[in-house]
């Protein structure tokens, strides 16, 4: 018998987004994840508005128990599938869930956007995230423009 947990990528409901809000207890953790323009303190309305759900393809990752374990977004940027706001629930970090989320989100983005190269931004001091992306195959790449956010890395994945 296979006891492996299965994970599914779904469009988030308001219940999922309310759960996602609990992952960010302070301005620093929110800014690291969502960027400097995300309002803090937030409420349900501002959180959902700032996610730009109408502009960005947004997905949650749930496990067999319908527990929210991950979140991510994507859109086309510079003719690449650009990932944004990748997050793993605090209690599931360090357990390999990021690779599962990345695999499913990248597959969905490539299919939806018909693009092969994937990119993302990450703060250099978010060491755990940088390591997760590098272990998946992303590498730091020169961004063709000015990055407005200090200490920000541009990473790409070529497949």
N, C-alpha and C. Protein backbone atom coordinates (compact mmCIF):
# COMPACT_ATOMS: atom_id res chain seq x y z
N UNK A 1 0.83 -1.19 0.00
CA UNK A 1 0.00 0.00 0.00
C UNK A 1 0.88 1.26 0.00
N UNK A 2 0.53 2.23 -0.83
CA UNK A 2 1.30 3.47 -0.94
C UNK A 2 0.76 4.52 0.02
N UNK A 3 1.60 4.93 0.98
CA UNK A 3 1.19 5.92 1.97
C UNK A 3 1.63 7.33 1.59
N UNK A 4 2.08 7.53 0.37
CA UNK A 4 2.53 8.86 -0.05
C UNK A 4 1.36 9.82 -0.14
N UNK A 5 1.60 11.01 0.38
CA UNK A 5 0.59 12.07 0.30
C UNK A 5 0.57 12.59 -1.13
N UNK A 6 -0.62 12.85 -1.63
CA UNK A 6 -0.77 13.43 -2.95
C UNK A 6 -1.15 14.90 -2.79
N UNK A 7 -0.68 15.72 -3.73
CA UNK A 7 -0.91 17.15 -3.69
C UNK A 7 -1.60 17.58 -4.97
N UNK A 8 -2.47 18.58 -4.83
CA UNK A 8 -3.25 19.05 -5.96
C UNK A 8 -3.20 20.57 -6.03
N UNK A 9 -3.02 21.07 -7.25
CA UNK A 9 -3.00 22.51 -7.52
C UNK A 9 -4.43 22.94 -7.86
N UNK A 10 -4.95 23.94 -7.13
CA UNK A 10 -6.32 24.41 -7.34
C UNK A 10 -6.38 25.92 -7.35
N UNK A 11 -7.43 26.45 -7.93
CA UNK A 11 -7.71 27.89 -7.84
C UNK A 11 -8.18 28.15 -6.41
N UNK A 12 -7.63 29.16 -5.74
CA UNK A 12 -7.99 29.39 -4.34
C UNK A 12 -9.40 29.95 -4.17
N UNK A 13 -10.02 29.54 -3.08
CA UNK A 13 -11.30 30.11 -2.66
C UNK A 13 -11.00 31.18 -1.60
N UNK A 14 -12.02 31.93 -1.21
CA UNK A 14 -11.80 32.94 -0.16
C UNK A 14 -11.38 32.27 1.15
N UNK A 15 -11.85 31.06 1.41
CA UNK A 15 -11.44 30.32 2.62
C UNK A 15 -9.93 30.05 2.58
N UNK A 16 -9.42 29.65 1.42
CA UNK A 16 -7.98 29.40 1.28
C UNK A 16 -7.18 30.69 1.50
N UNK A 17 -7.67 31.78 0.94
CA UNK A 17 -6.96 33.05 1.05
C UNK A 17 -6.95 33.55 2.50
N UNK A 18 -8.03 33.29 3.22
CA UNK A 18 -8.07 33.64 4.64
C UNK A 18 -7.02 32.83 5.40
N UNK A 19 -6.86 31.55 5.05
CA UNK A 19 -5.81 30.73 5.66
C UNK A 19 -4.42 31.23 5.30
N UNK A 20 -4.24 31.63 4.05
CA UNK A 20 -2.96 32.16 3.59
C UNK A 20 -2.56 33.41 4.38
N UNK A 21 -3.52 34.22 4.73
CA UNK A 21 -3.24 35.45 5.49
C UNK A 21 -2.54 35.15 6.81
N UNK A 22 -2.80 34.01 7.40
CA UNK A 22 -2.22 33.67 8.71
C UNK A 22 -0.74 33.33 8.62
N UNK A 23 -0.21 33.14 7.43
CA UNK A 23 1.19 32.78 7.25
C UNK A 23 2.13 33.97 7.45
N UNK A 24 1.59 35.18 7.49
CA UNK A 24 2.41 36.39 7.52
C UNK A 24 2.05 37.23 8.75
N UNK A 25 2.83 37.05 9.80
CA UNK A 25 2.51 37.65 11.10
C UNK A 25 3.08 39.05 11.27
N UNK A 26 3.97 39.46 10.37
CA UNK A 26 4.57 40.78 10.53
C UNK A 26 4.90 41.37 9.16
N UNK A 27 5.20 42.65 9.16
CA UNK A 27 5.46 43.37 7.91
C UNK A 27 6.66 42.79 7.16
N UNK A 28 7.70 42.39 7.89
CA UNK A 28 8.90 41.85 7.26
C UNK A 28 8.61 40.56 6.50
N UNK A 29 7.90 39.63 7.12
CA UNK A 29 7.60 38.36 6.44
C UNK A 29 6.68 38.59 5.24
N UNK A 30 5.76 39.53 5.36
CA UNK A 30 4.87 39.84 4.24
C UNK A 30 5.65 40.48 3.09
N UNK A 31 6.51 41.44 3.40
CA UNK A 31 7.29 42.11 2.35
C UNK A 31 8.24 41.16 1.64
N UNK A 32 8.84 40.23 2.40
CA UNK A 32 9.73 39.24 1.79
C UNK A 32 8.99 38.41 0.76
N UNK A 33 7.74 38.12 1.05
CA UNK A 33 6.94 37.27 0.18
C UNK A 33 6.25 38.05 -0.92
N UNK A 34 5.61 39.16 -0.56
CA UNK A 34 4.71 39.83 -1.49
C UNK A 34 5.28 41.09 -2.12
N UNK A 35 6.40 41.58 -1.61
CA UNK A 35 6.97 42.79 -2.15
C UNK A 35 6.56 44.02 -1.36
N UNK A 36 7.21 45.15 -1.64
CA UNK A 36 7.04 46.34 -0.82
C UNK A 36 5.70 47.07 -1.00
N UNK A 37 4.95 46.76 -2.03
CA UNK A 37 3.71 47.49 -2.30
C UNK A 37 2.47 46.82 -1.71
N UNK A 38 2.65 45.70 -1.05
CA UNK A 38 1.54 44.99 -0.41
C UNK A 38 1.26 45.69 0.92
N UNK A 39 0.02 46.06 1.15
CA UNK A 39 -0.31 46.84 2.35
C UNK A 39 -0.20 46.02 3.64
N UNK A 40 0.33 46.67 4.67
CA UNK A 40 0.41 46.08 6.01
C UNK A 40 0.19 47.20 7.02
N UNK A 41 -0.59 47.01 8.04
CA UNK A 41 -1.37 45.79 8.29
C UNK A 41 -2.45 45.62 7.22
N UNK A 42 -2.86 44.41 7.01
CA UNK A 42 -3.87 44.12 6.01
C UNK A 42 -5.12 43.57 6.69
N UNK A 43 -6.19 43.62 5.93
CA UNK A 43 -7.40 42.91 6.32
C UNK A 43 -7.77 42.02 5.14
N UNK A 44 -8.83 41.27 5.26
CA UNK A 44 -9.18 40.33 4.19
C UNK A 44 -9.35 41.04 2.85
N UNK A 45 -10.02 42.19 2.86
CA UNK A 45 -10.26 42.91 1.61
C UNK A 45 -8.96 43.41 0.98
N UNK A 46 -8.10 44.06 1.76
CA UNK A 46 -6.86 44.60 1.18
C UNK A 46 -5.91 43.48 0.77
N UNK A 47 -5.89 42.39 1.52
CA UNK A 47 -5.04 41.26 1.18
C UNK A 47 -5.43 40.70 -0.18
N UNK A 48 -6.71 40.48 -0.36
CA UNK A 48 -7.20 39.93 -1.64
C UNK A 48 -6.98 40.92 -2.77
N UNK A 49 -7.23 42.21 -2.52
CA UNK A 49 -6.98 43.22 -3.56
C UNK A 49 -5.51 43.23 -3.98
N UNK A 50 -4.61 43.20 -3.00
CA UNK A 50 -3.19 43.30 -3.28
C UNK A 50 -2.62 42.05 -3.95
N UNK A 51 -3.33 40.94 -3.88
CA UNK A 51 -2.88 39.72 -4.58
C UNK A 51 -3.06 39.84 -6.09
N UNK A 52 -3.86 40.82 -6.55
CA UNK A 52 -4.11 41.00 -7.98
C UNK A 52 -4.61 39.73 -8.65
N UNK A 53 -5.59 39.10 -8.03
CA UNK A 53 -6.11 37.83 -8.55
C UNK A 53 -6.69 37.95 -9.95
N UNK A 54 -7.17 39.14 -10.32
CA UNK A 54 -7.74 39.32 -11.65
C UNK A 54 -6.65 39.43 -12.72
N UNK A 55 -5.41 39.75 -12.33
CA UNK A 55 -4.32 39.92 -13.30
C UNK A 55 -3.33 38.75 -13.30
N UNK A 56 -3.20 38.08 -12.16
CA UNK A 56 -2.20 37.02 -12.03
C UNK A 56 -2.89 35.67 -11.85
N UNK A 57 -2.43 34.67 -12.57
CA UNK A 57 -2.95 33.31 -12.36
C UNK A 57 -2.48 32.85 -10.99
N UNK A 58 -3.43 32.49 -10.14
CA UNK A 58 -3.13 32.18 -8.74
C UNK A 58 -3.61 30.79 -8.38
N UNK A 59 -2.76 30.06 -7.65
CA UNK A 59 -3.09 28.67 -7.30
C UNK A 59 -2.63 28.36 -5.89
N UNK A 60 -3.37 27.45 -5.28
CA UNK A 60 -2.97 26.90 -3.99
C UNK A 60 -2.62 25.44 -4.19
N UNK A 61 -1.81 24.92 -3.30
CA UNK A 61 -1.48 23.51 -3.28
C UNK A 61 -2.10 22.94 -2.00
N UNK A 62 -2.91 21.90 -2.17
CA UNK A 62 -3.50 21.24 -1.01
C UNK A 62 -3.05 19.79 -0.98
N UNK A 63 -3.08 19.21 0.21
CA UNK A 63 -2.73 17.80 0.35
C UNK A 63 -3.99 16.94 0.36
N UNK A 64 -3.82 15.64 0.57
CA UNK A 64 -4.94 14.70 0.59
C UNK A 64 -6.01 15.07 1.62
N UNK A 65 -5.60 15.78 2.64
CA UNK A 65 -6.51 16.14 3.74
C UNK A 65 -7.14 17.51 3.51
N UNK A 66 -6.96 18.04 2.27
CA UNK A 66 -7.45 19.36 1.88
C UNK A 66 -6.86 20.48 2.73
N UNK A 67 -5.66 20.23 3.24
CA UNK A 67 -4.94 21.22 4.02
C UNK A 67 -4.13 22.10 3.07
N UNK A 68 -4.24 23.41 3.24
CA UNK A 68 -3.50 24.37 2.43
C UNK A 68 -2.02 24.29 2.79
N UNK A 69 -1.18 23.94 1.82
CA UNK A 69 0.25 23.81 2.09
C UNK A 69 1.11 24.75 1.24
N UNK A 70 0.56 25.31 0.17
CA UNK A 70 1.36 26.18 -0.68
C UNK A 70 0.51 27.14 -1.48
N UNK A 71 1.15 28.18 -1.98
CA UNK A 71 0.50 29.20 -2.81
C UNK A 71 1.52 29.71 -3.82
N UNK A 72 1.04 30.04 -5.02
CA UNK A 72 1.91 30.66 -6.01
C UNK A 72 1.11 31.31 -7.12
N UNK A 73 1.76 32.23 -7.80
CA UNK A 73 1.15 32.94 -8.91
C UNK A 73 2.11 32.95 -10.09
N UNK A 74 1.57 33.21 -11.28
CA UNK A 74 2.43 33.38 -12.45
C UNK A 74 1.77 34.32 -13.44
N UNK A 75 2.63 34.86 -14.32
CA UNK A 75 2.19 35.71 -15.41
C UNK A 75 3.33 35.77 -16.42
N UNK A 76 3.06 36.35 -17.58
CA UNK A 76 4.10 36.50 -18.59
C UNK A 76 4.87 37.78 -18.33
N UNK A 77 6.20 37.66 -18.28
CA UNK A 77 7.08 38.82 -18.10
C UNK A 77 8.32 38.58 -18.95
N UNK A 78 8.64 39.53 -19.80
CA UNK A 78 9.81 39.43 -20.69
C UNK A 78 9.81 38.11 -21.47
N UNK A 79 8.66 37.72 -21.93
CA UNK A 79 8.48 36.51 -22.73
C UNK A 79 8.89 35.24 -21.97
N UNK A 80 8.68 35.26 -20.67
CA UNK A 80 8.96 34.10 -19.81
C UNK A 80 7.75 33.85 -18.91
N UNK A 81 7.64 32.64 -18.41
CA UNK A 81 6.67 32.33 -17.35
C UNK A 81 7.28 32.86 -16.06
N UNK A 82 6.72 33.92 -15.53
CA UNK A 82 7.29 34.53 -14.34
C UNK A 82 6.49 34.11 -13.11
N UNK A 83 7.15 33.47 -12.17
CA UNK A 83 6.50 33.04 -10.93
C UNK A 83 6.53 34.19 -9.92
N UNK A 84 5.50 34.24 -9.10
CA UNK A 84 5.41 35.30 -8.10
C UNK A 84 4.76 34.75 -6.83
N UNK A 85 5.14 35.35 -5.72
CA UNK A 85 4.52 35.08 -4.41
C UNK A 85 4.42 33.58 -4.11
N UNK A 86 5.51 32.89 -4.28
CA UNK A 86 5.58 31.48 -3.93
C UNK A 86 5.70 31.38 -2.41
N UNK A 87 4.85 30.58 -1.80
CA UNK A 87 4.89 30.43 -0.34
C UNK A 87 4.49 29.01 0.06
N UNK A 88 5.13 28.54 1.10
CA UNK A 88 4.79 27.25 1.72
C UNK A 88 4.34 27.56 3.14
N UNK A 89 3.32 26.88 3.61
CA UNK A 89 2.82 27.14 4.96
C UNK A 89 3.94 26.92 5.96
N UNK A 90 3.98 27.73 7.01
CA UNK A 90 5.08 27.64 7.98
C UNK A 90 5.29 26.23 8.53
N UNK A 91 4.23 25.49 8.77
CA UNK A 91 4.39 24.15 9.35
C UNK A 91 4.83 23.10 8.33
N UNK A 92 4.86 23.45 7.04
CA UNK A 92 5.29 22.49 6.01
C UNK A 92 6.63 22.85 5.38
N UNK A 93 7.26 23.92 5.83
CA UNK A 93 8.54 24.32 5.25
C UNK A 93 9.63 23.32 5.60
N UNK A 94 10.57 23.16 4.67
CA UNK A 94 11.69 22.25 4.89
C UNK A 94 11.34 20.78 4.68
N UNK A 95 10.19 20.50 4.08
CA UNK A 95 9.74 19.11 3.89
C UNK A 95 9.63 18.73 2.41
N UNK A 96 10.18 19.55 1.54
CA UNK A 96 10.16 19.22 0.11
C UNK A 96 8.89 19.66 -0.61
N UNK A 97 8.01 20.37 0.07
CA UNK A 97 6.76 20.81 -0.55
C UNK A 97 7.02 21.86 -1.63
N UNK A 98 8.05 22.68 -1.46
CA UNK A 98 8.37 23.71 -2.45
C UNK A 98 8.62 23.08 -3.82
N UNK A 99 9.31 21.96 -3.86
CA UNK A 99 9.59 21.31 -5.15
C UNK A 99 8.29 20.82 -5.79
N UNK A 100 7.38 20.32 -4.98
CA UNK A 100 6.10 19.84 -5.51
C UNK A 100 5.30 21.02 -6.06
N UNK A 101 5.25 22.11 -5.30
CA UNK A 101 4.54 23.31 -5.76
C UNK A 101 5.17 23.85 -7.03
N UNK A 102 6.50 23.98 -7.05
CA UNK A 102 7.18 24.50 -8.23
C UNK A 102 6.91 23.63 -9.46
N UNK A 103 7.01 22.33 -9.30
CA UNK A 103 6.78 21.43 -10.43
C UNK A 103 5.39 21.61 -11.02
N UNK A 104 4.38 21.61 -10.17
CA UNK A 104 3.00 21.72 -10.65
C UNK A 104 2.70 23.11 -11.19
N UNK A 105 3.19 24.15 -10.52
CA UNK A 105 2.92 25.51 -10.96
C UNK A 105 3.64 25.81 -12.28
N UNK A 106 4.87 25.36 -12.41
CA UNK A 106 5.63 25.58 -13.65
C UNK A 106 4.97 24.85 -14.81
N UNK A 107 4.54 23.62 -14.59
CA UNK A 107 3.86 22.86 -15.65
C UNK A 107 2.60 23.60 -16.10
N UNK A 108 1.83 24.09 -15.15
CA UNK A 108 0.59 24.82 -15.46
C UNK A 108 0.92 26.11 -16.21
N UNK A 109 1.92 26.85 -15.75
CA UNK A 109 2.29 28.12 -16.38
C UNK A 109 2.77 27.90 -17.81
N UNK A 110 3.62 26.91 -18.01
CA UNK A 110 4.13 26.63 -19.36
C UNK A 110 3.00 26.25 -20.30
N UNK A 111 2.07 25.44 -19.83
CA UNK A 111 0.93 25.04 -20.66
C UNK A 111 0.04 26.24 -20.98
N UNK A 112 -0.25 27.06 -19.97
CA UNK A 112 -1.14 28.20 -20.16
C UNK A 112 -0.53 29.29 -21.03
N UNK A 113 0.75 29.56 -20.84
CA UNK A 113 1.40 30.67 -21.52
C UNK A 113 2.16 30.26 -22.79
N UNK A 114 2.31 28.97 -23.00
CA UNK A 114 3.06 28.45 -24.16
C UNK A 114 4.47 29.04 -24.23
N UNK A 115 5.14 29.06 -23.08
CA UNK A 115 6.51 29.55 -22.98
C UNK A 115 7.35 28.50 -22.26
N UNK A 116 8.64 28.45 -22.58
CA UNK A 116 9.50 27.41 -22.00
C UNK A 116 10.38 27.89 -20.86
N UNK A 117 10.76 29.16 -20.85
CA UNK A 117 11.68 29.66 -19.83
C UNK A 117 10.87 30.23 -18.67
N UNK A 118 11.33 29.95 -17.45
CA UNK A 118 10.64 30.38 -16.23
C UNK A 118 11.56 31.33 -15.48
N UNK A 119 10.98 32.37 -14.89
CA UNK A 119 11.77 33.34 -14.12
C UNK A 119 11.06 33.66 -12.81
N UNK A 120 11.81 34.30 -11.91
CA UNK A 120 11.25 34.77 -10.65
C UNK A 120 12.21 35.76 -10.02
N UNK A 121 11.69 36.53 -9.08
CA UNK A 121 12.50 37.40 -8.24
C UNK A 121 12.50 36.82 -6.84
N UNK A 122 13.61 36.96 -6.13
CA UNK A 122 13.69 36.54 -4.74
C UNK A 122 14.69 37.44 -4.03
N UNK A 123 14.40 37.78 -2.79
CA UNK A 123 15.35 38.58 -2.02
C UNK A 123 16.56 37.71 -1.66
N UNK A 124 17.73 38.27 -1.82
CA UNK A 124 18.97 37.52 -1.56
C UNK A 124 19.07 37.03 -0.13
N UNK A 125 18.48 37.76 0.83
CA UNK A 125 18.56 37.33 2.22
C UNK A 125 17.48 36.31 2.61
N UNK A 126 16.64 35.95 1.66
CA UNK A 126 15.67 34.87 1.88
C UNK A 126 16.37 33.56 1.50
N UNK A 127 17.34 33.21 2.32
CA UNK A 127 18.27 32.11 2.03
C UNK A 127 17.55 30.79 1.77
N UNK A 128 16.55 30.48 2.57
CA UNK A 128 15.81 29.23 2.39
C UNK A 128 15.16 29.16 1.01
N UNK A 129 14.56 30.26 0.58
CA UNK A 129 13.92 30.28 -0.74
C UNK A 129 14.96 30.19 -1.86
N UNK A 130 16.05 30.95 -1.73
CA UNK A 130 17.11 30.90 -2.76
C UNK A 130 17.62 29.47 -2.91
N UNK A 131 17.88 28.80 -1.79
CA UNK A 131 18.35 27.40 -1.83
C UNK A 131 17.33 26.48 -2.48
N UNK A 132 16.06 26.68 -2.16
CA UNK A 132 15.01 25.85 -2.75
C UNK A 132 14.96 26.04 -4.27
N UNK A 133 15.04 27.28 -4.72
CA UNK A 133 15.02 27.54 -6.16
C UNK A 133 16.26 26.97 -6.85
N UNK A 134 17.43 27.15 -6.25
CA UNK A 134 18.66 26.60 -6.83
C UNK A 134 18.61 25.08 -6.89
N UNK A 135 18.09 24.48 -5.85
CA UNK A 135 18.01 23.01 -5.84
C UNK A 135 17.03 22.51 -6.90
N UNK A 136 16.06 23.33 -7.28
CA UNK A 136 15.13 22.96 -8.34
C UNK A 136 15.76 23.15 -9.73
N UNK A 137 16.81 23.96 -9.80
CA UNK A 137 17.48 24.18 -11.08
C UNK A 137 17.54 25.63 -11.53
N UNK A 138 16.97 26.53 -10.75
CA UNK A 138 17.04 27.95 -11.09
C UNK A 138 18.46 28.46 -10.86
N UNK A 139 18.85 29.46 -11.65
CA UNK A 139 20.15 30.09 -11.44
C UNK A 139 19.98 31.60 -11.53
N UNK A 140 20.84 32.31 -10.81
CA UNK A 140 20.82 33.77 -10.82
C UNK A 140 21.23 34.23 -12.22
N UNK A 141 20.45 35.14 -12.77
CA UNK A 141 20.64 35.62 -14.13
C UNK A 141 20.62 37.14 -14.12
N UNK A 142 21.33 37.73 -15.05
CA UNK A 142 21.33 39.19 -15.19
C UNK A 142 19.95 39.63 -15.67
N UNK A 143 19.34 40.56 -14.95
CA UNK A 143 18.04 41.11 -15.35
C UNK A 143 18.28 42.20 -16.38
N UNK A 144 17.50 42.24 -17.47
CA UNK A 144 17.77 43.19 -18.54
C UNK A 144 17.37 44.64 -18.26
N UNK A 145 16.93 44.91 -17.06
CA UNK A 145 16.52 46.25 -16.68
C UNK A 145 16.94 46.50 -15.24
N UNK A 146 16.57 47.63 -14.69
CA UNK A 146 16.88 47.93 -13.29
C UNK A 146 15.85 47.24 -12.40
N UNK A 147 16.33 46.55 -11.37
CA UNK A 147 15.43 45.96 -10.38
C UNK A 147 15.22 47.01 -9.31
N UNK A 148 13.98 47.42 -9.14
CA UNK A 148 13.67 48.51 -8.21
C UNK A 148 13.87 48.13 -6.75
N UNK A 149 13.80 46.86 -6.45
CA UNK A 149 13.90 46.41 -5.07
C UNK A 149 15.35 46.08 -4.74
N UNK A 150 15.94 46.72 -3.71
CA UNK A 150 17.32 46.41 -3.35
C UNK A 150 17.45 44.98 -2.85
N UNK A 151 18.62 44.40 -3.07
CA UNK A 151 18.92 43.05 -2.56
C UNK A 151 18.06 41.97 -3.21
N UNK A 152 17.61 42.23 -4.43
CA UNK A 152 16.72 41.30 -5.13
C UNK A 152 17.48 40.57 -6.24
N UNK A 153 17.28 39.28 -6.31
CA UNK A 153 17.90 38.45 -7.34
C UNK A 153 16.85 38.09 -8.39
N UNK A 154 17.32 38.00 -9.62
CA UNK A 154 16.48 37.51 -10.74
C UNK A 154 17.01 36.13 -11.08
N UNK A 155 16.12 35.14 -11.07
CA UNK A 155 16.54 33.77 -11.33
C UNK A 155 15.73 33.20 -12.49
N UNK A 156 16.38 32.36 -13.29
CA UNK A 156 15.67 31.72 -14.41
C UNK A 156 15.92 30.21 -14.39
N UNK A 157 15.00 29.53 -15.03
CA UNK A 157 15.06 28.09 -15.20
C UNK A 157 14.84 27.81 -16.68
N UNK A 158 15.80 27.19 -17.32
CA UNK A 158 15.68 26.84 -18.73
C UNK A 158 15.43 25.35 -18.84
N UNK A 159 14.34 25.00 -19.49
CA UNK A 159 14.05 23.57 -19.71
C UNK A 159 13.76 23.33 -21.16
